[in-house]
């Protein structure tokens, strides 16, 4: 991809740059996505922030609530069920 020059512009009380659509498409970015910024050797590096998908075990690793289970099935008619 060819290098583009980006201009820093005033954006509300801060400053911002606009990313070209070609870059957005190349990296599968959309409005609202987050980028992590690193400064390395006087160079700004932007990296798309990817949320790690947790496994079920990872999601419950720190859970310390109740783990009791009970059957809640009933054959009673409780509403307007049609059989």
PDB file of N, CA and C in Angstrom:
ATOM      1  N   UNK A   1       0.848  -1.181   0.000  1.00  0.00           N
ATOM      2  CA  UNK A   1       0.000   0.000   0.000  1.00  0.00           C
ATOM      3  C   UNK A   1       0.891   1.242   0.000  1.00  0.00           C
ATOM      4  N   UNK A   2       0.550   2.203  -0.794  1.00  0.00           N
ATOM      5  CA  UNK A   2       1.322   3.437  -0.884  1.00  0.00           C
ATOM      6  C   UNK A   2       1.194   4.223   0.421  1.00  0.00           C
ATOM      7  N   UNK A   3       2.225   4.993   0.730  1.00  0.00           N
ATOM      8  CA  UNK A   3       2.191   5.806   1.935  1.00  0.00           C
ATOM      9  C   UNK A   3       1.328   7.030   1.700  1.00  0.00           C
ATOM     10  N   UNK A   4       0.528   7.353   2.703  1.00  0.00           N
ATOM     11  CA  UNK A   4      -0.318   8.535   2.636  1.00  0.00           C
ATOM     12  C   UNK A   4       0.129   9.518   3.701  1.00  0.00           C
ATOM     13  N   UNK A   5      -0.075  10.770   3.446  1.00  0.00           N
ATOM     14  CA  UNK A   5       0.200  11.812   4.422  1.00  0.00           C
ATOM     15  C   UNK A   5      -1.110  12.117   5.142  1.00  0.00           C
ATOM     16  N   UNK A   6      -1.088  12.099   6.466  1.00  0.00           N
ATOM     17  CA  UNK A   6      -2.275  12.394   7.260  1.00  0.00           C
ATOM     18  C   UNK A   6      -2.068  13.726   7.974  1.00  0.00           C
ATOM     19  N   UNK A   7      -3.121  14.503   8.069  1.00  0.00           N
ATOM     20  CA  UNK A   7      -3.043  15.810   8.699  1.00  0.00           C
ATOM     21  C   UNK A   7      -3.751  15.751  10.049  1.00  0.00           C
ATOM     22  N   UNK A   8      -3.108  16.292  11.077  1.00  0.00           N
ATOM     23  CA  UNK A   8      -3.730  16.370  12.403  1.00  0.00           C
ATOM     24  C   UNK A   8      -4.682  17.558  12.382  1.00  0.00           C
ATOM     25  N   UNK A   9      -5.926  17.327  12.793  1.00  0.00           N
ATOM     26  CA  UNK A   9      -6.944  18.376  12.782  1.00  0.00           C
ATOM     27  C   UNK A   9      -7.544  18.523  14.182  1.00  0.00           C
ATOM     28  N   UNK A  10      -8.100  19.676  14.468  1.00  0.00           N
ATOM     29  CA  UNK A  10      -8.785  19.907  15.734  1.00  0.00           C
ATOM     30  C   UNK A  10     -10.088  19.120  15.706  1.00  0.00           C
ATOM     31  N   UNK A  11     -10.382  18.471  16.816  1.00  0.00           N
ATOM     32  CA  UNK A  11     -11.583  17.647  16.898  1.00  0.00           C
ATOM     33  C   UNK A  11     -12.165  17.851  18.287  1.00  0.00           C
ATOM     34  N   UNK A  12     -13.133  18.747  18.412  1.00  0.00           N
ATOM     35  CA  UNK A  12     -13.671  19.092  19.729  1.00  0.00           C
ATOM     36  C   UNK A  12     -12.577  19.763  20.547  1.00  0.00           C
ATOM     37  N   UNK A  13     -12.333  19.230  21.741  1.00  0.00           N
ATOM     38  CA  UNK A  13     -11.261  19.775  22.585  1.00  0.00           C
ATOM     39  C   UNK A  13      -9.947  19.041  22.365  1.00  0.00           C
ATOM     40  N   UNK A  14      -9.905  18.108  21.436  1.00  0.00           N
ATOM     41  CA  UNK A  14      -8.695  17.329  21.182  1.00  0.00           C
ATOM     42  C   UNK A  14      -8.253  17.469  19.747  1.00  0.00           C
ATOM     43  N   UNK A  15      -7.429  16.522  19.338  1.00  0.00           N
ATOM     44  CA  UNK A  15      -6.940  16.489  17.970  1.00  0.00           C
ATOM     45  C   UNK A  15      -7.187  15.090  17.424  1.00  0.00           C
ATOM     46  N   UNK A  16      -7.233  14.987  16.107  1.00  0.00           N
ATOM     47  CA  UNK A  16      -7.475  13.680  15.514  1.00  0.00           C
ATOM     48  C   UNK A  16      -6.936  13.594  14.103  1.00  0.00           C
ATOM     49  N   UNK A  17      -6.865  12.372  13.614  1.00  0.00           N
ATOM     50  CA  UNK A  17      -6.500  12.124  12.223  1.00  0.00           C
ATOM     51  C   UNK A  17      -7.605  11.274  11.612  1.00  0.00           C
ATOM     52  N   UNK A  18      -7.717  11.310  10.319  1.00  0.00           N
ATOM     53  CA  UNK A  18      -8.696  10.483   9.613  1.00  0.00           C
ATOM     54  C   UNK A  18      -7.958   9.385   8.879  1.00  0.00           C
ATOM     55  N   UNK A  19      -8.492   8.176   8.976  1.00  0.00           N
ATOM     56  CA  UNK A  19      -7.878   7.054   8.274  1.00  0.00           C
ATOM     57  C   UNK A  19      -8.528   6.890   6.906  1.00  0.00           C
ATOM     58  N   UNK A  20      -7.740   6.671   5.877  1.00  0.00           N
ATOM     59  CA  UNK A  20      -8.307   6.455   4.546  1.00  0.00           C
ATOM     60  C   UNK A  20      -9.161   5.176   4.519  1.00  0.00           C
ATOM     61  N   UNK A  21     -10.203   5.175   3.707  1.00  0.00           N
ATOM     62  CA  UNK A  21     -11.102   4.020   3.611  1.00  0.00           C
ATOM     63  C   UNK A  21     -10.348   2.765   3.191  1.00  0.00           C
ATOM     64  N   UNK A  22      -9.322   2.913   2.362  1.00  0.00           N
ATOM     65  CA  UNK A  22      -8.543   1.747   1.931  1.00  0.00           C
ATOM     66  C   UNK A  22      -7.894   1.060   3.128  1.00  0.00           C
ATOM     67  N   UNK A  23      -7.418   1.837   4.092  1.00  0.00           N
ATOM     68  CA  UNK A  23      -6.814   1.264   5.301  1.00  0.00           C
ATOM     69  C   UNK A  23      -7.886   0.597   6.146  1.00  0.00           C
ATOM     70  N   UNK A  24      -9.028   1.255   6.264  1.00  0.00           N
ATOM     71  CA  UNK A  24     -10.137   0.684   7.041  1.00  0.00           C
ATOM     72  C   UNK A  24     -10.538  -0.680   6.479  1.00  0.00           C
ATOM     73  N   UNK A  25     -10.662  -0.751   5.154  1.00  0.00           N
ATOM     74  CA  UNK A  25     -11.051  -2.017   4.518  1.00  0.00           C
ATOM     75  C   UNK A  25      -9.961  -3.069   4.641  1.00  0.00           C
ATOM     76  N   UNK A  26      -8.713  -2.661   4.442  1.00  0.00           N
ATOM     77  CA  UNK A  26      -7.588  -3.588   4.512  1.00  0.00           C
ATOM     78  C   UNK A  26      -7.505  -4.266   5.882  1.00  0.00           C
ATOM     79  N   UNK A  27      -7.789  -3.503   6.940  1.00  0.00           N
ATOM     80  CA  UNK A  27      -7.695  -4.032   8.299  1.00  0.00           C
ATOM     81  C   UNK A  27      -9.050  -4.459   8.868  1.00  0.00           C
ATOM     82  N   UNK A  28     -10.092  -4.430   8.030  1.00  0.00           N
ATOM     83  CA  UNK A  28     -11.455  -4.780   8.459  1.00  0.00           C
ATOM     84  C   UNK A  28     -11.894  -3.965   9.672  1.00  0.00           C
ATOM     85  N   UNK A  29     -11.613  -2.664   9.632  1.00  0.00           N
ATOM     86  CA  UNK A  29     -12.008  -1.769  10.711  1.00  0.00           C
ATOM     87  C   UNK A  29     -13.331  -1.114  10.379  1.00  0.00           C
ATOM     88  N   UNK A  30     -14.055  -0.737  11.420  1.00  0.00           N
ATOM     89  CA  UNK A  30     -15.293   0.009  11.226  1.00  0.00           C
ATOM     90  C   UNK A  30     -15.357   1.122  12.264  1.00  0.00           C
ATOM     91  N   UNK A  31     -16.215   2.087  12.047  1.00  0.00           N
ATOM     92  CA  UNK A  31     -16.371   3.197  12.983  1.00  0.00           C
ATOM     93  C   UNK A  31     -16.731   2.632  14.351  1.00  0.00           C
ATOM     94  N   UNK A  32     -16.042   3.086  15.364  1.00  0.00           N
ATOM     95  CA  UNK A  32     -16.287   2.615  16.719  1.00  0.00           C
ATOM     96  C   UNK A  32     -15.268   1.593  17.209  1.00  0.00           C
ATOM     97  N   UNK A  33     -14.509   0.986  16.286  1.00  0.00           N
ATOM     98  CA  UNK A  33     -13.464   0.037  16.695  1.00  0.00           C
ATOM     99  C   UNK A  33     -12.385   0.788  17.472  1.00  0.00           C
ATOM    100  N   UNK A  34     -11.698   0.070  18.344  1.00  0.00           N
ATOM    101  CA  UNK A  34     -10.632   0.675  19.133  1.00  0.00           C
ATOM    102  C   UNK A  34      -9.266   0.284  18.581  1.00  0.00           C
ATOM    103  N   UNK A  35      -8.329   1.226  18.693  1.00  0.00           N
ATOM    104  CA  UNK A  35      -6.941   0.997  18.299  1.00  0.00           C
ATOM    105  C   UNK A  35      -6.066   1.230  19.519  1.00  0.00           C
ATOM    106  N   UNK A  36      -5.023   0.431  19.661  1.00  0.00           N
ATOM    107  CA  UNK A  36      -4.024   0.677  20.689  1.00  0.00           C
ATOM    108  C   UNK A  36      -2.897   1.468  20.057  1.00  0.00           C
ATOM    109  N   UNK A  37      -2.408   2.483  20.786  1.00  0.00           N
ATOM    110  CA  UNK A  37      -1.327   3.303  20.261  1.00  0.00           C
ATOM    111  C   UNK A  37      -0.063   3.035  21.058  1.00  0.00           C
ATOM    112  N   UNK A  38       1.034   2.834  20.341  1.00  0.00           N
ATOM    113  CA  UNK A  38       2.352   2.659  20.957  1.00  0.00           C
ATOM    114  C   UNK A  38       3.288   3.658  20.303  1.00  0.00           C
ATOM    115  N   UNK A  39       4.224   4.173  21.072  1.00  0.00           N
ATOM    116  CA  UNK A  39       5.266   5.029  20.517  1.00  0.00           C
ATOM    117  C   UNK A  39       6.574   4.264  20.647  1.00  0.00           C
ATOM    118  N   UNK A  40       7.180   3.962  19.491  1.00  0.00           N
ATOM    119  CA  UNK A  40       8.429   3.199  19.457  1.00  0.00           C
ATOM    120  C   UNK A  40       9.439   3.944  18.598  1.00  0.00           C
ATOM    121  N   UNK A  41      10.560   4.302  19.187  1.00  0.00           N
ATOM    122  CA  UNK A  41      11.626   4.984  18.447  1.00  0.00           C
ATOM    123  C   UNK A  41      11.103   6.189  17.674  1.00  0.00           C
ATOM    124  N   UNK A  42      10.349   7.044  18.344  1.00  0.00           N
ATOM    125  CA  UNK A  42       9.785   8.261  17.746  1.00  0.00           C
ATOM    126  C   UNK A  42       8.835   7.967  16.584  1.00  0.00           C
ATOM    127  N   UNK A  43       8.217   6.778  16.603  1.00  0.00           N
ATOM    128  CA  UNK A  43       7.250   6.385  15.580  1.00  0.00           C
ATOM    129  C   UNK A  43       5.941   6.011  16.272  1.00  0.00           C
ATOM    130  N   UNK A  44       4.830   6.467  15.737  1.00  0.00           N
ATOM    131  CA  UNK A  44       3.522   6.108  16.273  1.00  0.00           C
ATOM    132  C   UNK A  44       3.059   4.826  15.585  1.00  0.00           C
ATOM    133  N   UNK A  45       2.700   3.831  16.382  1.00  0.00           N
ATOM    134  CA  UNK A  45       2.218   2.555  15.856  1.00  0.00           C
ATOM    135  C   UNK A  45       0.795   2.353  16.360  1.00  0.00           C
ATOM    136  N   UNK A  46      -0.150   2.202  15.429  1.00  0.00           N
ATOM    137  CA  UNK A  46      -1.548   1.931  15.786  1.00  0.00           C
ATOM    138  C   UNK A  46      -1.846   0.469  15.491  1.00  0.00           C
ATOM    139  N   UNK A  47      -2.404  -0.231  16.481  1.00  0.00           N
ATOM    140  CA  UNK A  47      -2.701  -1.645  16.346  1.00  0.00           C
ATOM    141  C   UNK A  47      -4.175  -1.856  16.691  1.00  0.00           C
ATOM    142  N   UNK A  48      -4.945  -2.506  15.805  1.00  0.00           N
ATOM    143  CA  UNK A  48      -6.344  -2.781  16.134  1.00  0.00           C
ATOM    144  C   UNK A  48      -6.440  -3.586  17.423  1.00  0.00           C
ATOM    145  N   UNK A  49      -7.319  -3.139  18.317  1.00  0.00           N
ATOM    146  CA  UNK A  49      -7.512  -3.834  19.584  1.00  0.00           C
ATOM    147  C   UNK A  49      -8.506  -4.964  19.346  1.00  0.00           C
ATOM    148  N   UNK A  50      -8.047  -6.174  19.496  1.00  0.00           N
ATOM    149  CA  UNK A  50      -8.887  -7.350  19.281  1.00  0.00           C
ATOM    150  C   UNK A  50      -9.263  -7.921  20.638  1.00  0.00           C
ATOM    151  N   UNK A  51     -10.543  -8.102  20.852  1.00  0.00           N
ATOM    152  CA  UNK A  51     -10.977  -8.702  22.108  1.00  0.00           C
ATOM    153  C   UNK A  51     -10.752 -10.194  22.047  1.00  0.00           C
ATOM    154  N   UNK A  52     -10.099 -10.703  23.073  1.00  0.00           N
ATOM    155  CA  UNK A  52      -9.838 -12.132  23.135  1.00  0.00           C
ATOM    156  C   UNK A  52     -11.140 -12.842  23.494  1.00  0.00           C
ATOM    157  N   UNK A  53     -11.491 -13.847  22.729  1.00  0.00           N
ATOM    158  CA  UNK A  53     -12.680 -14.635  23.028  1.00  0.00           C
ATOM    159  C   UNK A  53     -12.331 -15.632  24.118  1.00  0.00           C
ATOM    160  N   UNK A  54     -13.012 -15.518  25.250  1.00  0.00           N
ATOM    161  CA  UNK A  54     -12.751 -16.385  26.379  1.00  0.00           C
ATOM    162  C   UNK A  54     -13.491 -17.708  26.248  1.00  0.00           C
ATOM    163  N   UNK A  55     -12.837 -18.759  26.705  1.00  0.00           N
ATOM    164  CA  UNK A  55     -13.510 -20.059  26.759  1.00  0.00           C
ATOM    165  C   UNK A  55     -14.469 -20.040  27.937  1.00  0.00           C
ATOM    166  N   UNK A  56     -15.370 -21.001  27.987  1.00  0.00           N
ATOM    167  CA  UNK A  56     -16.313 -21.095  29.096  1.00  0.00           C
ATOM    168  C   UNK A  56     -15.559 -21.258  30.417  1.00  0.00           C
ATOM    169  N   UNK A  57     -14.513 -22.065  30.422  1.00  0.00           N
ATOM    170  CA  UNK A  57     -13.714 -22.272  31.632  1.00  0.00           C
ATOM    171  C   UNK A  57     -13.067 -20.963  32.092  1.00  0.00           C
ATOM    172  N   UNK A  58     -12.565 -20.149  31.132  1.00  0.00           N
ATOM    173  CA  UNK A  58     -11.947 -18.871  31.488  1.00  0.00           C
ATOM    174  C   UNK A  58     -12.978 -17.895  32.046  1.00  0.00           C
ATOM    175  N   UNK A  59     -14.188 -17.929  31.488  1.00  0.00           N
ATOM    176  CA  UNK A  59     -15.237 -17.031  31.972  1.00  0.00           C
ATOM    177  C   UNK A  59     -15.633 -17.333  33.413  1.00  0.00           C
ATOM    178  N   UNK A  60     -15.607 -18.598  33.786  1.00  0.00           N
ATOM    179  CA  UNK A  60     -16.036 -18.983  35.120  1.00  0.00           C
ATOM    180  C   UNK A  60     -14.872 -19.271  36.067  1.00  0.00           C
ATOM    181  N   UNK A  61     -13.645 -19.007  35.664  1.00  0.00           N
ATOM    182  CA  UNK A  61     -12.479 -19.323  36.482  1.00  0.00           C
ATOM    183  C   UNK A  61     -12.527 -18.650  37.851  1.00  0.00           C
ATOM    184  N   UNK A  62     -13.004 -17.427  37.923  1.00  0.00           N
ATOM    185  CA  UNK A  62     -13.035 -16.693  39.189  1.00  0.00           C
ATOM    186  C   UNK A  62     -14.418 -16.666  39.827  1.00  0.00           C
ATOM    187  N   UNK A  63     -15.340 -17.443  39.315  1.00  0.00           N
ATOM    188  CA  UNK A  63     -16.701 -17.472  39.853  1.00  0.00           C
ATOM    189  C   UNK A  63     -16.712 -18.222  41.169  1.00  0.00           C
ATOM    190  N   UNK A  64     -17.295 -17.604  42.199  1.00  0.00           N
ATOM    191  CA  UNK A  64     -17.354 -18.277  43.493  1.00  0.00           C
ATOM    192  C   UNK A  64     -18.785 -18.315  44.044  1.00  0.00           C
ATOM    193  N   UNK A  65     -19.755 -18.180  43.176  1.00  0.00           N
ATOM    194  CA  UNK A  65     -21.156 -18.227  43.588  1.00  0.00           C
ATOM    195  C   UNK A  65     -21.637 -19.665  43.730  1.00  0.00           C
ATOM    196  N   UNK A  66     -22.925 -19.825  43.942  1.00  0.00           N
ATOM    197  CA  UNK A  66     -23.479 -21.172  44.127  1.00  0.00           C
ATOM    198  C   UNK A  66     -23.382 -21.999  42.844  1.00  0.00           C
ATOM    199  N   UNK A  67     -23.196 -23.288  43.022  1.00  0.00           N
ATOM    200  CA  UNK A  67     -23.105 -24.184  41.871  1.00  0.00           C
ATOM    201  C   UNK A  67     -24.146 -25.293  41.949  1.00  0.00           C
ATOM    202  N   UNK A  68     -25.130 -25.109  42.829  1.00  0.00           N
ATOM    203  CA  UNK A  68     -26.179 -26.112  42.966  1.00  0.00           C
ATOM    204  C   UNK A  68     -27.031 -26.133  41.704  1.00  0.00           C
ATOM    205  N   UNK A  69     -27.508 -27.301  41.382  1.00  0.00           N
ATOM    206  CA  UNK A  69     -28.375 -27.441  40.223  1.00  0.00           C
ATOM    207  C   UNK A  69     -29.580 -28.269  40.638  1.00  0.00           C
ATOM    208  N   UNK A  70     -30.735 -27.927  40.094  1.00  0.00           N
ATOM    209  CA  UNK A  70     -31.925 -28.712  40.389  1.00  0.00           C
ATOM    210  C   UNK A  70     -32.797 -28.778  39.146  1.00  0.00           C
ATOM    211  N   UNK A  71     -33.617 -29.783  39.100  1.00  0.00           N
ATOM    212  CA  UNK A  71     -34.521 -29.981  37.969  1.00  0.00           C
ATOM    213  C   UNK A  71     -35.702 -29.030  38.108  1.00  0.00           C
ATOM    214  N   UNK A  72     -36.027 -28.329  37.039  1.00  0.00           N
ATOM    215  CA  UNK A  72     -37.159 -27.412  37.099  1.00  0.00           C
ATOM    216  C   UNK A  72     -38.272 -27.806  36.122  1.00  0.00           C
ATOM    217  N   UNK A  73     -38.122 -28.932  35.454  1.00  0.00           N
ATOM    218  CA  UNK A  73     -39.101 -29.366  34.473  1.00  0.00           C
ATOM    219  C   UNK A  73     -40.364 -29.848  35.164  1.00  0.00           C
ATOM    220  N   UNK A  74     -41.490 -29.509  34.564  1.00  0.00           N
ATOM    221  CA  UNK A  74     -42.773 -29.965  35.100  1.00  0.00           C
ATOM    222  C   UNK A  74     -43.702 -30.214  33.920  1.00  0.00           C
ATOM    223  N   UNK A  75     -44.548 -31.218  34.036  1.00  0.00           N
ATOM    224  CA  UNK A  75     -45.526 -31.495  32.987  1.00  0.00           C
ATOM    225  C   UNK A  75     -46.850 -30.790  33.252  1.00  0.00           C
ATOM    226  N   UNK A  76     -46.918 -29.989  34.317  1.00  0.00           N
ATOM    227  CA  UNK A  76     -48.143 -29.258  34.638  1.00  0.00           C
ATOM    228  C   UNK A  76     -48.420 -28.195  33.590  1.00  0.00           C
ATOM    229  N   UNK A  77     -49.695 -27.995  33.313  1.00  0.00           N
ATOM    230  CA  UNK A  77     -50.087 -26.894  32.432  1.00  0.00           C
ATOM    231  C   UNK A  77     -50.143 -25.647  33.295  1.00  0.00           C
ATOM    232  N   UNK A  78     -49.400 -24.634  32.904  1.00  0.00           N
ATOM    233  CA  UNK A  78     -49.331 -23.414  33.711  1.00  0.00           C
ATOM    234  C   UNK A  78     -49.810 -22.180  32.946  1.00  0.00           C
ATOM    235  N   UNK A  79     -50.087 -22.310  31.695  1.00  0.00           N
ATOM    236  CA  UNK A  79     -50.512 -21.171  30.892  1.00  0.00           C
ATOM    237  C   UNK A  79     -51.503 -21.617  29.840  1.00  0.00           C
ATOM    238  N   UNK A  80     -51.355 -21.095  28.642  1.00  0.00           N
ATOM    239  CA  UNK A  80     -52.270 -21.421  27.552  1.00  0.00           C
ATOM    240  C   UNK A  80     -51.592 -22.338  26.545  1.00  0.00           C
ATOM    241  N   UNK A  81     -50.854 -23.326  27.049  1.00  0.00           N
ATOM    242  CA  UNK A  81     -50.185 -24.249  26.169  1.00  0.00           C
ATOM    243  C   UNK A  81     -51.207 -25.063  25.385  1.00  0.00           C
ATOM    244  N   UNK A  82     -50.874 -25.383  24.171  1.00  0.00           N
ATOM    245  CA  UNK A  82     -51.728 -26.252  23.368  1.00  0.00           C
ATOM    246  C   UNK A  82     -50.988 -27.561  23.145  1.00  0.00           C
ATOM    247  N   UNK A  83     -51.709 -28.630  23.321  1.00  0.00           N
ATOM    248  CA  UNK A  83     -51.102 -29.941  23.154  1.00  0.00           C
ATOM    249  C   UNK A  83     -51.667 -30.598  21.909  1.00  0.00           C
TER     250      UNK A  83
END
